[in-house]
Amino acid sequence: MSDAPPRHITPSPSFAVLVKLGSLAVHVEEFLSPDGHAFDREAIVVLLDDPEVKEWLAEMDKAAFLPKKRNRR
């Protein structure tokens, strides 16, 4: 028996969304490093505003796979 959630409620991101999420992780890591740069912050803002990323995050939130935000915008 698998520990994975049932397939019907697990959003499957496209390759493009996976690349954007990976880019987001790298830019967050870079921004938080001692050499963090304003470019990384801007890239984070742009990636978080991407329609595909927003849609995927909303699906994951609806499926209760993400932490609840303290502040909703």
Protein backbone atom coordinates (compact mmCIF):
# COMPACT_ATOMS: atom_id res chain seq x y z
CA MET A 1 0.00 0.00 0.00
CA SER A 2 1.33 3.43 -0.98
CA ASP A 3 1.57 6.44 1.33
CA ALA A 4 0.89 8.76 -1.63
CA PRO A 5 -2.40 10.64 -1.65
CA PRO A 6 -5.04 9.39 -4.09
CA ARG A 7 -4.24 10.44 -7.65
CA HIS A 8 -7.57 12.19 -8.19
CA ILE A 9 -6.72 14.92 -5.65
CA THR A 10 -3.02 15.29 -6.44
CA PRO A 11 -2.37 18.12 -8.87
CA SER A 12 0.21 17.14 -11.47
CA PRO A 13 2.20 20.21 -12.42
CA SER A 14 3.40 20.64 -15.98
CA PHE A 15 7.11 20.60 -16.74
CA ALA A 16 6.94 24.41 -17.08
CA VAL A 17 5.48 24.75 -13.57
CA LEU A 18 8.15 22.42 -12.18
CA VAL A 19 10.85 24.58 -13.76
CA LYS A 20 9.26 27.72 -12.30
CA LEU A 21 9.02 26.14 -8.84
CA GLY A 22 12.66 25.05 -9.10
CA SER A 23 13.67 28.57 -10.14
CA LEU A 24 11.70 29.94 -7.22
CA ALA A 25 13.54 27.66 -4.79
CA VAL A 26 16.94 28.67 -6.21
CA HIS A 27 16.13 32.39 -6.06
CA VAL A 28 14.87 32.10 -2.46
CA GLU A 29 18.05 30.26 -1.48
CA GLU A 30 20.19 32.87 -3.23
CA PHE A 31 18.23 35.77 -1.73
CA LEU A 32 18.67 34.38 1.78
CA SER A 33 22.39 33.79 1.29
CA PRO A 34 25.02 36.31 2.41
CA ASP A 35 25.34 37.34 -1.25
CA GLY A 36 21.58 37.79 -1.74
CA HIS A 37 20.67 40.39 -4.31
CA ALA A 38 17.65 42.53 -5.17
CA PHE A 39 17.51 40.64 -8.49
CA ASP A 40 16.64 37.47 -6.60
CA ARG A 41 13.83 39.24 -4.74
CA GLU A 42 12.40 40.56 -7.99
CA ALA A 43 12.58 37.09 -9.56
CA ILE A 44 10.72 35.68 -6.52
CA VAL A 45 7.98 38.30 -6.88
CA VAL A 46 7.62 37.60 -10.62
CA LEU A 47 7.52 33.84 -10.13
CA LEU A 48 4.93 34.07 -7.34
CA ASP A 49 2.77 36.23 -9.63
CA ASP A 50 2.98 33.77 -12.54
CA PRO A 51 -0.53 32.55 -13.46
CA GLU A 52 0.51 28.88 -13.73
CA VAL A 53 2.31 28.98 -10.38
CA LYS A 54 -0.66 30.73 -8.76
CA GLU A 55 -3.06 28.13 -10.16
CA TRP A 56 -0.90 25.23 -8.97
CA LEU A 57 -0.50 26.75 -5.50
CA ALA A 58 -4.27 27.28 -5.27
CA GLU A 59 -4.87 23.63 -6.22
CA MET A 60 -2.35 22.46 -3.64
CA ASP A 61 -3.92 24.72 -1.01
CA LYS A 62 -7.40 23.42 -1.81
CA ALA A 63 -6.11 19.86 -1.44
CA ALA A 64 -4.62 20.87 1.96
CA PHE A 65 -1.04 20.01 0.96
CA LEU A 66 0.41 23.43 1.86
CA PRO A 67 0.79 25.26 5.16
CA LYS A 68 -1.95 27.78 5.81
CA LYS A 69 -0.82 31.38 5.31
CA ARG A 70 -0.84 33.65 8.33
CA ASN A 71 -1.69 36.64 6.14
CA ARG A 72 -3.96 36.27 3.10
CA ARG A 73 -3.68 38.96 0.44
